Amino acid sequence: PEIYGVDGKCQVSVEYDKNDKPTNVSCVVVSIQTKESVERN
Protein backbone atom coordinates (compact mmCIF):
# COMPACT_ATOMS: atom_id res chain seq x y z
CA PRO A 1 0.00 0.00 0.00
CA GLU A 2 3.00 2.31 0.40
CA ILE A 3 3.79 1.88 -3.31
CA TYR A 4 0.47 1.48 -5.18
CA GLY A 5 -2.89 3.19 -5.24
CA VAL A 6 -6.06 1.22 -5.94
CA ASP A 7 -6.84 2.52 -9.44
CA GLY A 8 -5.52 0.89 -12.57
CA LYS A 9 -6.15 -1.17 -15.68
CA CYS A 10 -4.36 -3.54 -18.00
CA GLN A 11 -4.68 -5.02 -21.45
CA VAL A 12 -3.27 -8.10 -23.10
CA SER A 13 -2.73 -8.61 -26.84
CA VAL A 14 -2.62 -12.18 -28.15
CA GLU A 15 -1.23 -13.13 -31.57
CA TYR A 16 -2.91 -15.94 -33.55
CA ASP A 17 -1.72 -18.13 -36.40
CA LYS A 18 -3.56 -18.72 -39.67
CA ASN A 19 -5.63 -21.47 -38.00
CA ASP A 20 -6.83 -18.99 -35.36
CA LYS A 21 -4.77 -20.63 -32.61
CA PRO A 22 -3.06 -18.39 -30.04
CA THR A 23 0.72 -18.47 -30.40
CA ASN A 24 2.08 -15.76 -28.13
CA VAL A 25 1.33 -12.58 -26.21
CA SER A 26 2.59 -9.70 -28.31
CA CYS A 27 1.97 -6.88 -25.83
CA VAL A 28 1.01 -6.26 -22.20
CA VAL A 29 0.01 -2.79 -21.02
CA VAL A 30 -0.31 -1.93 -17.34
CA SER A 31 -1.38 1.46 -16.05
CA ILE A 32 -1.44 1.43 -12.26
CA GLN A 33 -1.71 4.23 -9.75
CA THR A 34 1.36 4.74 -7.60
CA LYS A 35 1.93 6.80 -4.50
CA GLU A 36 3.62 10.17 -4.84
CA SER A 37 7.43 10.19 -5.08
CA VAL A 38 7.64 6.41 -5.71
CA GLU A 39 10.33 5.81 -8.32
CA ARG A 40 9.81 3.54 -11.32
CA ASN A 41 12.55 1.15 -10.24
Full PDB file with SEQRES, HELIX, SHEET, SSBOND, CRYST1, ORIGX, SCALE, CONECT and MASTER records, all heavy atoms in Angstrom:
SEQRES   1 A   41  PRO GLU ILE TYR GLY VAL ASP GLY LYS CYS GLN VAL SER          
SEQRES   2 A   41  VAL GLU TYR ASP LYS ASN ASP LYS PRO THR ASN VAL SER          
SEQRES   3 A   41  CYS VAL VAL VAL SER ILE GLN THR LYS GLU SER VAL GLU          
SEQRES   4 A   41  ARG ASN                                                      
SHEET    1 AA1 2 TYR A   4  TYR A  16  0                                        
SHEET    2 AA1 2 PRO A  22  THR A  34 -1                                        
CRYST1    1.000    1.000    1.000  90.00  90.00  90.00 P 1           1          
ORIGX1      1.000000  0.000000  0.000000        0.00000                         
ORIGX2      0.000000  1.000000  0.000000        0.00000                         
ORIGX3      0.000000  0.000000  1.000000        0.00000                         
SCALE1      1.000000  0.000000  0.000000        0.00000                         
SCALE2      0.000000  1.000000  0.000000        0.00000                         
SCALE3      0.000000  0.000000  1.000000        0.00000                         
ATOM      1  N   PRO A   1       0.807  -1.227   0.000  1.00  0.00           N  
ATOM      2  CA  PRO A   1       0.000   0.000   0.000  1.00  0.00           C  
ATOM      3  C   PRO A   1       0.840   1.278   0.000  1.00  0.00           C  
ATOM      4  O   PRO A   1       0.337   2.346  -0.358  1.00  0.00           O  
ATOM      5  CB  PRO A   1      -0.830  -0.126   1.284  1.00  0.00           C  
ATOM      6  CG  PRO A   1      -0.035  -1.024   2.171  1.00  0.00           C  
ATOM      7  CD  PRO A   1       0.632  -2.000   1.254  1.00  0.00           C  
ATOM      8  N   GLU A   2       2.111   1.132   0.402  1.00  0.00           N  
ATOM      9  CA  GLU A   2       2.995   2.306   0.401  1.00  0.00           C  
ATOM     10  C   GLU A   2       3.508   2.620  -1.008  1.00  0.00           C  
ATOM     11  O   GLU A   2       4.066   3.701  -1.246  1.00  0.00           O  
ATOM     12  CB  GLU A   2       4.174   2.078   1.352  1.00  0.00           C  
ATOM     13  CG  GLU A   2       5.229   1.101   0.875  1.00  0.00           C  
ATOM     14  CD  GLU A   2       4.849  -0.372   1.030  1.00  0.00           C  
ATOM     15  OE1 GLU A   2       3.712  -0.675   1.452  1.00  0.00           O  
ATOM     16  OE2 GLU A   2       5.704  -1.234   0.722  1.00  0.00           O  
ATOM     17  N   ILE A   3       3.308   1.678  -1.937  1.00  0.00           N  
ATOM     18  CA  ILE A   3       3.791   1.879  -3.313  1.00  0.00           C  
ATOM     19  C   ILE A   3       2.642   2.187  -4.275  1.00  0.00           C  
ATOM     20  O   ILE A   3       2.733   3.107  -5.092  1.00  0.00           O  
ATOM     21  CB  ILE A   3       4.545   0.625  -3.805  1.00  0.00           C  
ATOM     22  CG1 ILE A   3       5.784   0.369  -2.939  1.00  0.00           C  
ATOM     23  CG2 ILE A   3       4.932   0.769  -5.283  1.00  0.00           C  
ATOM     24  CD1 ILE A   3       6.561  -0.876  -3.341  1.00  0.00           C  
ATOM     25  N   TYR A   4       1.528   1.416  -4.168  1.00  0.00           N  
ATOM     26  CA  TYR A   4       0.474   1.480  -5.181  1.00  0.00           C  
ATOM     27  C   TYR A   4      -0.817   2.074  -4.635  1.00  0.00           C  
ATOM     28  O   TYR A   4      -1.190   1.859  -3.471  1.00  0.00           O  
ATOM     29  CB  TYR A   4       0.172   0.079  -5.724  1.00  0.00           C  
ATOM     30  CG  TYR A   4       1.362  -0.629  -6.310  1.00  0.00           C  
ATOM     31  CD1 TYR A   4       1.996  -1.654  -5.614  1.00  0.00           C  
ATOM     32  CD2 TYR A   4       1.856  -0.274  -7.556  1.00  0.00           C  
ATOM     33  CE1 TYR A   4       3.089  -2.318  -6.152  1.00  0.00           C  
ATOM     34  CE2 TYR A   4       2.946  -0.927  -8.108  1.00  0.00           C  
ATOM     35  CZ  TYR A   4       3.570  -1.946  -7.393  1.00  0.00           C  
ATOM     36  OH  TYR A   4       4.655  -2.586  -7.930  1.00  0.00           O  
ATOM     37  N   GLY A   5      -1.513   2.800  -5.508  1.00  0.00           N  
ATOM     38  CA  GLY A   5      -2.890   3.191  -5.240  1.00  0.00           C  
ATOM     39  C   GLY A   5      -3.819   2.096  -5.736  1.00  0.00           C  
ATOM     40  O   GLY A   5      -3.369   1.070  -6.254  1.00  0.00           O  
ATOM     41  N   VAL A   6      -5.122   2.305  -5.618  1.00  0.00           N  
ATOM     42  CA  VAL A   6      -6.063   1.220  -5.939  1.00  0.00           C  
ATOM     43  C   VAL A   6      -6.632   1.307  -7.356  1.00  0.00           C  
ATOM     44  O   VAL A   6      -7.360   0.417  -7.778  1.00  0.00           O  
ATOM     45  CB  VAL A   6      -7.234   1.183  -4.921  1.00  0.00           C  
ATOM     46  CG1 VAL A   6      -6.712   0.850  -3.540  1.00  0.00           C  
ATOM     47  CG2 VAL A   6      -8.001   2.502  -4.903  1.00  0.00           C  
ATOM     48  N   ASP A   7      -6.302   2.342  -8.083  1.00  0.00           N  
ATOM     49  CA  ASP A   7      -6.837   2.515  -9.437  1.00  0.00           C  
ATOM     50  C   ASP A   7      -5.854   1.921 -10.450  1.00  0.00           C  
ATOM     51  O   ASP A   7      -4.635   1.952 -10.243  1.00  0.00           O  
ATOM     52  CB  ASP A   7      -7.058   4.004  -9.723  1.00  0.00           C  
ATOM     53  CG  ASP A   7      -7.814   4.254 -11.021  1.00  0.00           C  
ATOM     54  OD1 ASP A   7      -8.262   3.270 -11.648  1.00  0.00           O  
ATOM     55  OD2 ASP A   7      -7.955   5.428 -11.399  1.00  0.00           O  
ATOM     56  N   GLY A   8      -6.386   1.392 -11.523  1.00  0.00           N  
ATOM     57  CA  GLY A   8      -5.520   0.887 -12.567  1.00  0.00           C  
ATOM     58  C   GLY A   8      -6.256   0.022 -13.568  1.00  0.00           C  
ATOM     59  O   GLY A   8      -7.409  -0.353 -13.366  1.00  0.00           O  
ATOM     60  N   LYS A   9      -5.578  -0.288 -14.657  1.00  0.00           N  
ATOM     61  CA  LYS A   9      -6.146  -1.170 -15.675  1.00  0.00           C  
ATOM     62  C   LYS A   9      -5.012  -1.802 -16.463  1.00  0.00           C  
ATOM     63  O   LYS A   9      -3.853  -1.369 -16.396  1.00  0.00           O  
ATOM     64  CB  LYS A   9      -7.087  -0.404 -16.598  1.00  0.00           C  
ATOM     65  CG  LYS A   9      -6.515   0.831 -17.263  1.00  0.00           C  
ATOM     66  CD  LYS A   9      -7.620   1.573 -18.024  1.00  0.00           C  
ATOM     67  CE  LYS A   9      -7.093   2.853 -18.649  1.00  0.00           C  
ATOM     68  NZ  LYS A   9      -8.162   3.565 -19.393  1.00  0.00           N  
ATOM     69  N   CYS A  10      -5.360  -2.841 -17.215  1.00  0.00           N  
ATOM     70  CA  CYS A  10      -4.356  -3.541 -18.003  1.00  0.00           C  
ATOM     71  C   CYS A  10      -5.002  -4.068 -19.274  1.00  0.00           C  
ATOM     72  O   CYS A  10      -6.218  -4.197 -19.351  1.00  0.00           O  
ATOM     73  CB  CYS A  10      -3.736  -4.687 -17.203  1.00  0.00           C  
ATOM     74  SG  CYS A  10      -4.940  -5.909 -16.609  1.00  0.00           S  
ATOM     75  N   GLN A  11      -4.167  -4.364 -20.253  1.00  0.00           N  
ATOM     76  CA  GLN A  11      -4.678  -5.020 -21.451  1.00  0.00           C  
ATOM     77  C   GLN A  11      -3.624  -5.987 -21.979  1.00  0.00           C  
ATOM     78  O   GLN A  11      -2.428  -5.781 -21.815  1.00  0.00           O  
ATOM     79  CB  GLN A  11      -5.101  -4.017 -22.525  1.00  0.00           C  
ATOM     80  CG  GLN A  11      -4.013  -3.172 -23.120  1.00  0.00           C  
ATOM     81  CD  GLN A  11      -4.554  -2.182 -24.152  1.00  0.00           C  
ATOM     82  OE1 GLN A  11      -5.637  -1.626 -23.998  1.00  0.00           O  
ATOM     83  NE2 GLN A  11      -3.784  -1.946 -25.195  1.00  0.00           N  
ATOM     84  N   VAL A  12      -4.134  -7.046 -22.587  1.00  0.00           N  
ATOM     85  CA  VAL A  12      -3.268  -8.104 -23.103  1.00  0.00           C  
ATOM     86  C   VAL A  12      -3.598  -8.339 -24.574  1.00  0.00           C  
ATOM     87  O   VAL A  12      -4.777  -8.509 -24.931  1.00  0.00           O  
ATOM     88  CB  VAL A  12      -3.454  -9.412 -22.302  1.00  0.00           C  
ATOM     89  CG1 VAL A  12      -2.613 -10.533 -22.912  1.00  0.00           C  
ATOM     90  CG2 VAL A  12      -3.080  -9.204 -20.834  1.00  0.00           C  
ATOM     91  N   SER A  13      -2.566  -8.344 -25.408  1.00  0.00           N  
ATOM     92  CA  SER A  13      -2.728  -8.608 -26.839  1.00  0.00           C  
ATOM     93  C   SER A  13      -2.177  -9.991 -27.161  1.00  0.00           C  
ATOM     94  O   SER A  13      -1.029 -10.305 -26.813  1.00  0.00           O  
ATOM     95  CB  SER A  13      -1.984  -7.555 -27.661  1.00  0.00           C  
ATOM     96  OG  SER A  13      -2.489  -6.262 -27.404  1.00  0.00           O  
ATOM     97  N   VAL A  14      -2.998 -10.808 -27.821  1.00  0.00           N  
ATOM     98  CA  VAL A  14      -2.616 -12.179 -28.152  1.00  0.00           C  
ATOM     99  C   VAL A  14      -2.537 -12.331 -29.666  1.00  0.00           C  
ATOM    100  O   VAL A  14      -3.463 -11.949 -30.389  1.00  0.00           O  
ATOM    101  CB  VAL A  14      -3.635 -13.188 -27.573  1.00  0.00           C  
ATOM    102  CG1 VAL A  14      -3.254 -14.612 -27.984  1.00  0.00           C  
ATOM    103  CG2 VAL A  14      -3.702 -13.065 -26.053  1.00  0.00           C  
ATOM    104  N   GLU A  15      -1.427 -12.900 -30.129  1.00  0.00           N  
ATOM    105  CA  GLU A  15      -1.234 -13.131 -31.569  1.00  0.00           C  
ATOM    106  C   GLU A  15      -1.700 -14.541 -31.925  1.00  0.00           C  
ATOM    107  O   GLU A  15      -1.471 -15.490 -31.171  1.00  0.00           O  
ATOM    108  CB  GLU A  15       0.231 -12.946 -31.933  1.00  0.00           C  
ATOM    109  CG  GLU A  15       0.489 -12.921 -33.430  1.00  0.00           C  
ATOM    110  CD  GLU A  15       1.882 -12.428 -33.776  1.00  0.00           C  
ATOM    111  OE1 GLU A  15       2.630 -12.017 -32.864  1.00  0.00           O  
ATOM    112  OE2 GLU A  15       2.217 -12.463 -34.974  1.00  0.00           O  
ATOM    113  N   TYR A  16      -2.350 -14.665 -33.093  1.00  0.00           N  
ATOM    114  CA  TYR A  16      -2.911 -15.936 -33.553  1.00  0.00           C  
ATOM    115  C   TYR A  16      -2.277 -16.330 -34.876  1.00  0.00           C  
ATOM    116  O   TYR A  16      -1.875 -15.481 -35.678  1.00  0.00           O  
ATOM    117  CB  TYR A  16      -4.422 -15.817 -33.735  1.00  0.00           C  
ATOM    118  CG  TYR A  16      -5.185 -15.677 -32.435  1.00  0.00           C  
ATOM    119  CD1 TYR A  16      -5.154 -14.484 -31.717  1.00  0.00           C  
ATOM    120  CD2 TYR A  16      -5.926 -16.737 -31.923  1.00  0.00           C  
ATOM    121  CE1 TYR A  16      -5.834 -14.358 -30.517  1.00  0.00           C  
ATOM    122  CE2 TYR A  16      -6.612 -16.617 -30.726  1.00  0.00           C  
ATOM    123  CZ  TYR A  16      -6.569 -15.422 -30.030  1.00  0.00           C  
ATOM    124  OH  TYR A  16      -7.232 -15.303 -28.839  1.00  0.00           O  
ATOM    125  N   ASP A  17      -2.233 -17.657 -35.120  1.00  0.00           N  
ATOM    126  CA  ASP A  17      -1.724 -18.132 -36.401  1.00  0.00           C  
ATOM    127  C   ASP A  17      -2.857 -18.198 -37.424  1.00  0.00           C  
ATOM    128  O   ASP A  17      -4.001 -17.818 -37.136  1.00  0.00           O  
ATOM    129  CB  ASP A  17      -1.028 -19.488 -36.248  1.00  0.00           C  
ATOM    130  CG  ASP A  17      -1.967 -20.595 -35.764  1.00  0.00           C  
ATOM    131  OD1 ASP A  17      -3.202 -20.451 -35.902  1.00  0.00           O  
ATOM    132  OD2 ASP A  17      -1.467 -21.618 -35.269  1.00  0.00           O  
ATOM    133  N   LYS A  18      -2.576 -18.718 -38.600  1.00  0.00           N  
ATOM    134  CA  LYS A  18      -3.564 -18.725 -39.672  1.00  0.00           C  
ATOM    135  C   LYS A  18      -4.732 -19.660 -39.381  1.00  0.00           C  
ATOM    136  O   LYS A  18      -5.783 -19.573 -40.004  1.00  0.00           O  
ATOM    137  CB  LYS A  18      -2.907 -19.110 -40.992  1.00  0.00           C  
ATOM    138  CG  LYS A  18      -2.279 -20.502 -40.994  1.00  0.00           C  
ATOM    139  CD  LYS A  18      -1.604 -20.780 -42.328  1.00  0.00           C  
ATOM    140  CE  LYS A  18      -0.980 -22.177 -42.347  1.00  0.00           C  
ATOM    141  NZ  LYS A  18      -0.314 -22.434 -43.645  1.00  0.00           N  
ATOM    142  N   ASN A  19      -4.550 -20.567 -38.411  1.00  0.00           N  
ATOM    143  CA  ASN A  19      -5.635 -21.469 -38.004  1.00  0.00           C  
ATOM    144  C   ASN A  19      -6.401 -20.936 -36.797  1.00  0.00           C  
ATOM    145  O   ASN A  19      -7.178 -21.668 -36.181  1.00  0.00           O  
ATOM    146  CB  ASN A  19      -5.061 -22.852 -37.687  1.00  0.00           C  
ATOM    147  CG  ASN A  19      -4.434 -23.511 -38.900  1.00  0.00           C  
ATOM    148  OD1 ASN A  19      -5.010 -23.506 -39.993  1.00  0.00           O  
ATOM    149  ND2 ASN A  19      -3.239 -24.066 -38.725  1.00  0.00           N  
ATOM    150  N   ASP A  20      -6.161 -19.678 -36.472  1.00  0.00           N  
ATOM    151  CA  ASP A  20      -6.828 -18.993 -35.364  1.00  0.00           C  
ATOM    152  C   ASP A  20      -6.494 -19.626 -34.013  1.00  0.00           C  
ATOM    153  O   ASP A  20      -7.327 -19.667 -33.111  1.00  0.00           O  
ATOM    154  CB  ASP A  20      -8.350 -18.957 -35.562  1.00  0.00           C  
ATOM    155  CG  ASP A  20      -8.987 -17.766 -34.842  1.00  0.00           C  
ATOM    156  OD1 ASP A  20      -8.321 -16.720 -34.713  1.00  0.00           O  
ATOM    157  OD2 ASP A  20     -10.147 -17.881 -34.388  1.00  0.00           O  
ATOM    158  N   LYS A  21      -5.257 -20.096 -33.874  1.00  0.00           N  
ATOM    159  CA  LYS A  21      -4.769 -20.631 -32.607  1.00  0.00           C  
ATOM    160  C   LYS A  21      -3.813 -19.621 -31.980  1.00  0.00           C  
ATOM    161  O   LYS A  21      -2.938 -19.071 -32.664  1.00  0.00           O  
ATOM    162  CB  LYS A  21      -4.037 -21.965 -32.815  1.00  0.00           C  
ATOM    163  CG  LYS A  21      -4.916 -23.088 -33.333  1.00  0.00           C  
ATOM    164  CD  LYS A  21      -5.918 -23.533 -32.277  1.00  0.00           C  
ATOM    165  CE  LYS A  21      -6.730 -24.733 -32.746  1.00  0.00           C  
ATOM    166  NZ  LYS A  21      -7.761 -25.133 -31.759  1.00  0.00           N  
ATOM    167  N   PRO A  22      -3.960 -19.347 -30.684  1.00  0.00           N  
ATOM    168  CA  PRO A  22      -3.058 -18.387 -30.038  1.00  0.00           C  
ATOM    169  C   PRO A  22      -1.629 -18.912 -29.998  1.00  0.00           C  
ATOM    170  O   PRO A  22      -1.396 -20.087 -29.659  1.00  0.00           O  
ATOM    171  CB  PRO A  22      -3.637 -18.240 -28.627  1.00  0.00           C  
ATOM    172  CG  PRO A  22      -4.465 -19.462 -28.407  1.00  0.00           C  
ATOM    173  CD  PRO A  22      -4.965 -19.877 -29.746  1.00  0.00           C  
ATOM    174  N   THR A  23      -0.687 -18.052 -30.373  1.00  0.00           N  
ATOM    175  CA  THR A  23       0.718 -18.474 -30.401  1.00  0.00           C  
ATOM    176  C   THR A  23       1.549 -17.771 -29.334  1.00  0.00           C  
ATOM    177  O   THR A  23       2.424 -18.377 -28.724  1.00  0.00           O  
ATOM    178  CB  THR A  23       1.338 -18.194 -31.773  1.00  0.00           C  
ATOM    179  OG1 THR A  23       1.198 -16.784 -32.079  1.00  0.00           O  
ATOM    180  CG2 THR A  23       0.640 -19.020 -32.858  1.00  0.00           C  
ATOM    181  N   ASN A  24       1.292 -16.494 -29.120  1.00  0.00           N  
ATOM    182  CA  ASN A  24       2.082 -15.757 -28.132  1.00  0.00           C  
ATOM    183  C   ASN A  24       1.376 -14.464 -27.742  1.00  0.00           C  
ATOM    184  O   ASN A  24       0.461 -13.994 -28.447  1.00  0.00           O  
ATOM    185  CB  ASN A  24       3.475 -15.441 -28.667  1.00  0.00           C  
ATOM    186  CG  ASN A  24       3.436 -14.470 -29.835  1.00  0.00           C  
ATOM    187  OD1 ASN A  24       3.094 -14.849 -30.960  1.00  0.00           O  
ATOM    188  ND2 ASN A  24       3.773 -13.217 -29.578  1.00  0.00           N  
ATOM    189  N   VAL A  25       1.792 -13.902 -26.633  1.00  0.00           N  
ATOM    190  CA  VAL A  25       1.325 -12.584 -26.209  1.00  0.00           C  
ATOM    191  C   VAL A  25       2.270 -11.554 -26.801  1.00  0.00           C  
ATOM    192  O   VAL A  25       3.479 -11.577 -26.526  1.00  0.00           O  
ATOM    193  CB  VAL A  25       1.281 -12.476 -24.674  1.00  0.00           C  
ATOM    194  CG1 VAL A  25       1.030 -11.038 -24.243  1.00  0.00           C  
ATOM    195  CG2 VAL A  25       0.200 -13.392 -24.103  1.00  0.00           C  
ATOM    196  N   SER A  26       1.733 -10.670 -27.628  1.00  0.00           N  
ATOM    197  CA  SER A  26       2.587  -9.696 -28.308  1.00  0.00           C  
ATOM    198  C   SER A  26       2.804  -8.433 -27.485  1.00  0.00           C  
ATOM    199  O   SER A  26       3.835  -7.773 -27.621  1.00  0.00           O  
ATOM    200  CB  SER A  26       1.984  -9.325 -29.666  1.00  0.00           C  
ATOM    201  OG  SER A  26       0.694  -8.751 -29.503  1.00  0.00           O  
ATOM    202  N   CYS A  27       1.819  -8.113 -26.605  1.00  0.00           N  
ATOM    203  CA  CYS A  27       1.968  -6.879 -25.831  1.00  0.00           C  
ATOM    204  C   CYS A  27       1.143  -6.944 -24.551  1.00  0.00           C  
ATOM    205  O   CYS A  27       0.016  -7.459 -24.549  1.00  0.00           O  
ATOM    206  CB  CYS A  27       1.528  -5.670 -26.665  1.00  0.00           C  
ATOM    207  SG  CYS A  27       1.840  -4.068 -25.875  1.00  0.00           S  
ATOM    208  N   VAL A  28       1.714  -6.418 -23.476  1.00  0.00           N  
ATOM    209  CA  VAL A  28       1.010  -6.256 -22.205  1.00  0.00           C  
ATOM    210  C   VAL A  28       1.141  -4.804 -21.785  1.00  0.00           C  
ATOM    211  O   VAL A  28       2.250  -4.253 -21.765  1.00  0.00           O  
ATOM    212  CB  VAL A  28       1.597  -7.164 -21.103  1.00  0.00           C  
ATOM    213  CG1 VAL A  28       0.828  -6.970 -19.798  1.00  0.00           C  
ATOM    214  CG2 VAL A  28       1.583  -8.620 -21.528  1.00  0.00           C  
ATOM    215  N   VAL A  29       0.011  -4.188 -21.481  1.00  0.00           N  
ATOM    216  CA  VAL A  29       0.015  -2.795 -21.023  1.00  0.00           C  
ATOM    217  C   VAL A  29      -0.561  -2.741 -19.615  1.00  0.00           C  
ATOM    218  O   VAL A  29      -1.637  -3.290 -19.360  1.00  0.00           O  
ATOM    219  CB  VAL A  29      -0.820  -1.884 -21.951  1.00  0.00           C  
ATOM    220  CG1 VAL A  29      -0.745  -0.438 -21.473  1.00  0.00           C  
ATOM    221  CG2 VAL A  29      -0.344  -1.992 -23.393  1.00  0.00           C  
ATOM    222  N   VAL A  30       0.156  -2.112 -18.713  1.00  0.00           N  
ATOM    223  CA  VAL A  30      -0.314  -1.930 -17.343  1.00  0.00           C  
ATOM    224  C   VAL A  30      -0.233  -0.449 -16.996  1.00  0.00           C  
ATOM    225  O   VAL A  30       0.834   0.171 -17.117  1.00  0.00           O  
ATOM    226  CB  VAL A  30       0.524  -2.738 -16.332  1.00  0.00           C  
ATOM    227  CG1 VAL A  30       0.120  -2.374 -14.899  1.00  0.00           C  
ATOM    228  CG2 VAL A  30       0.356  -4.223 -16.564  1.00  0.00           C  
ATOM    229  N   SER A  31      -1.349   0.101 -16.586  1.00  0.00           N  
ATOM    230  CA  SER A  31      -1.382   1.461 -16.052  1.00  0.00           C  
ATOM    231  C   SER A  31      -1.919   1.359 -14.635  1.00  0.00           C  
ATOM    232  O   SER A  31      -3.098   1.042 -14.437  1.00  0.00           O  
ATOM    233  CB  SER A  31      -2.281   2.363 -16.906  1.00  0.00           C  
ATOM    234  OG  SER A  31      -1.751   2.515 -18.207  1.00  0.00           O  
ATOM    235  N   ILE A  32      -1.059   1.608 -13.654  1.00  0.00           N  
ATOM    236  CA  ILE A  32      -1.439   1.431 -12.264  1.00  0.00           C  
ATOM    237  C   ILE A  32      -1.045   2.657 -11.448  1.00  0.00           C  
ATOM    238  O   ILE A  32       0.044   3.214 -11.626  1.00  0.00           O  
ATOM    239  CB  ILE A  32      -0.803   0.148 -11.677  1.00  0.00           C  
ATOM    240  CG1 ILE A  32      -1.313  -0.129 -10.261  1.00  0.00           C  
ATOM    241  CG2 ILE A  32       0.709   0.199 -11.726  1.00  0.00           C  
ATOM    242  CD1 ILE A  32      -0.905  -1.496  -9.725  1.00  0.00           C  
ATOM    243  N   GLN A  33      -1.951   3.061 -10.590  1.00  0.00           N  
ATOM    244  CA  GLN A  33      -1.709   4.227  -9.746  1.00  0.00           C  
ATOM    245  C   GLN A  33      -0.591   3.928  -8.746  1.00  0.00           C  
ATOM    246  O   GLN A  33      -0.534   2.843  -8.156  1.00  0.00           O  
ATOM    247  CB  GLN A  33      -2.994   4.591  -8.998  1.00  0.00           C  
ATOM    248  CG  GLN A  33      -2.900   5.854  -8.168  1.00  0.00           C  
ATOM    249  CD  GLN A  33      -4.177   6.104  -7.364  1.00  0.00           C  
ATOM    250  OE1 GLN A  33      -5.049   5.245  -7.310  1.00  0.00           O  
ATOM    251  NE2 GLN A  33      -4.276   7.266  -6.755  1.00  0.00           N  
ATOM    252  N   THR A  34       0.300   4.873  -8.588  1.00  0.00           N  
ATOM    253  CA  THR A  34       1.359   4.743  -7.597  1.00  0.00           C  
ATOM    254  C   THR A  34       1.302   5.931  -6.638  1.00  0.00           C  
ATOM    255  O   THR A  34       0.733   6.980  -6.954  1.00  0.00           O  
ATOM    256  CB  THR A  34       2.748   4.693  -8.258  1.00  0.00           C  
ATOM    257  OG1 THR A  34       2.970   5.912  -8.976  1.00  0.00           O  
ATOM    258  CG2 THR A  34       2.844   3.517  -9.209  1.00  0.00           C  
ATOM    259  N   LYS A  35       1.885   5.727  -5.479  1.00  0.00           N  
ATOM    260  CA  LYS A  35       1.927   6.803  -4.497  1.00  0.00           C  
ATOM    261  C   LYS A  35       2.944   7.858  -4.935  1.00  0.00           C  
ATOM    262  O   LYS A  35       3.894   7.569  -5.673  1.00  0.00           O  
ATOM    263  CB  LYS A  35       2.282   6.252  -3.111  1.00  0.00           C  
ATOM    264  CG  LYS A  35       1.239   5.276  -2.567  1.00  0.00           C  
ATOM    265  CD  LYS A  35      -0.112   5.948  -2.371  1.00  0.00           C  
ATOM    266  CE  LYS A  35      -1.202   4.974  -1.938  1.00  0.00           C  
ATOM    267  NZ  LYS A  35      -1.019   4.453  -0.589  1.00  0.00           N  
ATOM    268  N   GLU A  36       2.749   9.058  -4.462  1.00  0.00           N  
ATOM    269  CA  GLU A  36       3.617  10.173  -4.845  1.00  0.00           C  
ATOM    270  C   GLU A  36       5.064   9.900  -4.441  1.00  0.00           C  
ATOM    271  O   GLU A  36       5.334   9.340  -3.377  1.00  0.00           O  
ATOM    272  CB  GLU A  36       3.109  11.456  -4.182  1.00  0.00           C  
ATOM    273  CG  GLU A  36       3.658  12.718  -4.807  1.00  0.00           C  
ATOM    274  CD  GLU A  36       2.932  13.962  -4.338  1.00  0.00           C  
ATOM    275  OE1 GLU A  36       2.007  13.840  -3.526  1.00  0.00           O  
ATOM    276  OE2 GLU A  36       3.307  15.064  -4.790  1.00  0.00           O  
ATOM    277  N   SER A  37       5.976  10.272  -5.311  1.00  0.00           N  
ATOM    278  CA  SER A  37       7.431  10.186  -5.078  1.00  0.00           C  
ATOM    279  C   SER A  37       7.969   8.752  -5.136  1.00  0.00           C  
ATOM    280  O   SER A  37       9.134   8.521  -4.813  1.00  0.00           O  
ATOM    281  CB  SER A  37       7.822  10.811  -3.727  1.00  0.00           C  
ATOM    282  OG  SER A  37       7.423  12.169  -3.682  1.00  0.00           O  
ATOM    283  N   VAL A  38       7.146   7.780  -5.539  1.00  0.00           N  
ATOM    284  CA  VAL A  38       7.644   6.413  -5.706  1.00  0.00           C  
ATOM    285  C   VAL A  38       8.314   6.308  -7.074  1.00  0.00           C  
ATOM    286  O   VAL A  38       7.705   6.596  -8.102  1.00  0.00           O  
ATOM    287  CB  VAL A  38       6.506   5.379  -5.584  1.00  0.00           C  
ATOM    288  CG1 VAL A  38       7.030   3.976  -5.895  1.00  0.00           C  
ATOM    289  CG2 VAL A  38       5.906   5.421  -4.191  1.00  0.00           C  
ATOM    290  N   GLU A  39       9.563   5.890  -7.081  1.00  0.00           N  
ATOM    291  CA  GLU A  39      10.327   5.811  -8.321  1.00  0.00           C  
ATOM    292  C   GLU A  39       9.941   4.552  -9.126  1.00  0.00           C  
ATOM    293  O   GLU A  39       9.512   3.547  -8.569  1.00  0.00           O  
ATOM    294  CB  GLU A  39      11.826   5.762  -8.012  1.00  0.00           C  
ATOM    295  CG  GLU A  39      12.358   6.993  -7.281  1.00  0.00           C  
ATOM    296  CD  GLU A  39      12.342   8.235  -8.165  1.00  0.00           C  
ATOM    297  OE1 GLU A  39      12.413   8.083  -9.406  1.00  0.00           O  
ATOM    298  OE2 GLU A  39      12.245   9.341  -7.613  1.00  0.00           O  
ATOM    299  N   ARG A  40      10.152   4.652 -10.430  1.00  0.00           N  
ATOM    300  CA  ARG A  40       9.810   3.542 -11.324  1.00  0.00           C  
ATOM    301  C   ARG A  40      10.541   2.259 -10.939  1.00  0.00           C  
ATOM    302  O   ARG A  40       9.964   1.171 -10.996  1.00  0.00           O  
ATOM    303  CB  ARG A  40      10.137   3.933 -12.778  1.00  0.00           C  
ATOM    304  CG  ARG A  40       9.872   2.817 -13.790  1.00  0.00           C  
ATOM    305  CD  ARG A  40      10.084   3.293 -15.208  1.00  0.00           C  
ATOM    306  NE  ARG A  40       9.004   4.141 -15.636  1.00  0.00           N  
ATOM    307  CZ  ARG A  40       7.889   3.731 -16.228  1.00  0.00           C  
ATOM    308  NH1 ARG A  40       7.703   2.432 -16.439  1.00  0.00           N  
ATOM    309  NH2 ARG A  40       6.964   4.572 -16.605  1.00  0.00           N  
ATOM    310  N   ASN A  41      11.797   2.364 -10.557  1.00  0.00           N  
ATOM    311  CA  ASN A  41      12.553   1.148 -10.236  1.00  0.00           C  
ATOM    312  C   ASN A  41      12.007   0.437  -9.004  1.00  0.00           C  
ATOM    313  O   ASN A  41      12.344  -0.711  -8.744  1.00  0.00           O  
ATOM    314  CB  ASN A  41      14.043   1.471 -10.053  1.00  0.00           C  
ATOM    315  CG  ASN A  41      14.289   2.480  -8.930  1.00  0.00           C  
ATOM    316  OD1 ASN A  41      13.383   2.822  -8.181  1.00  0.00           O  
ATOM    317  ND2 ASN A  41      15.518   2.947  -8.818  1.00  0.00           N  
TER     318      ASN A  41                                                      
MASTER        0    0    0    0    2    0    0    6  317    1    0    4          
END                                                                             
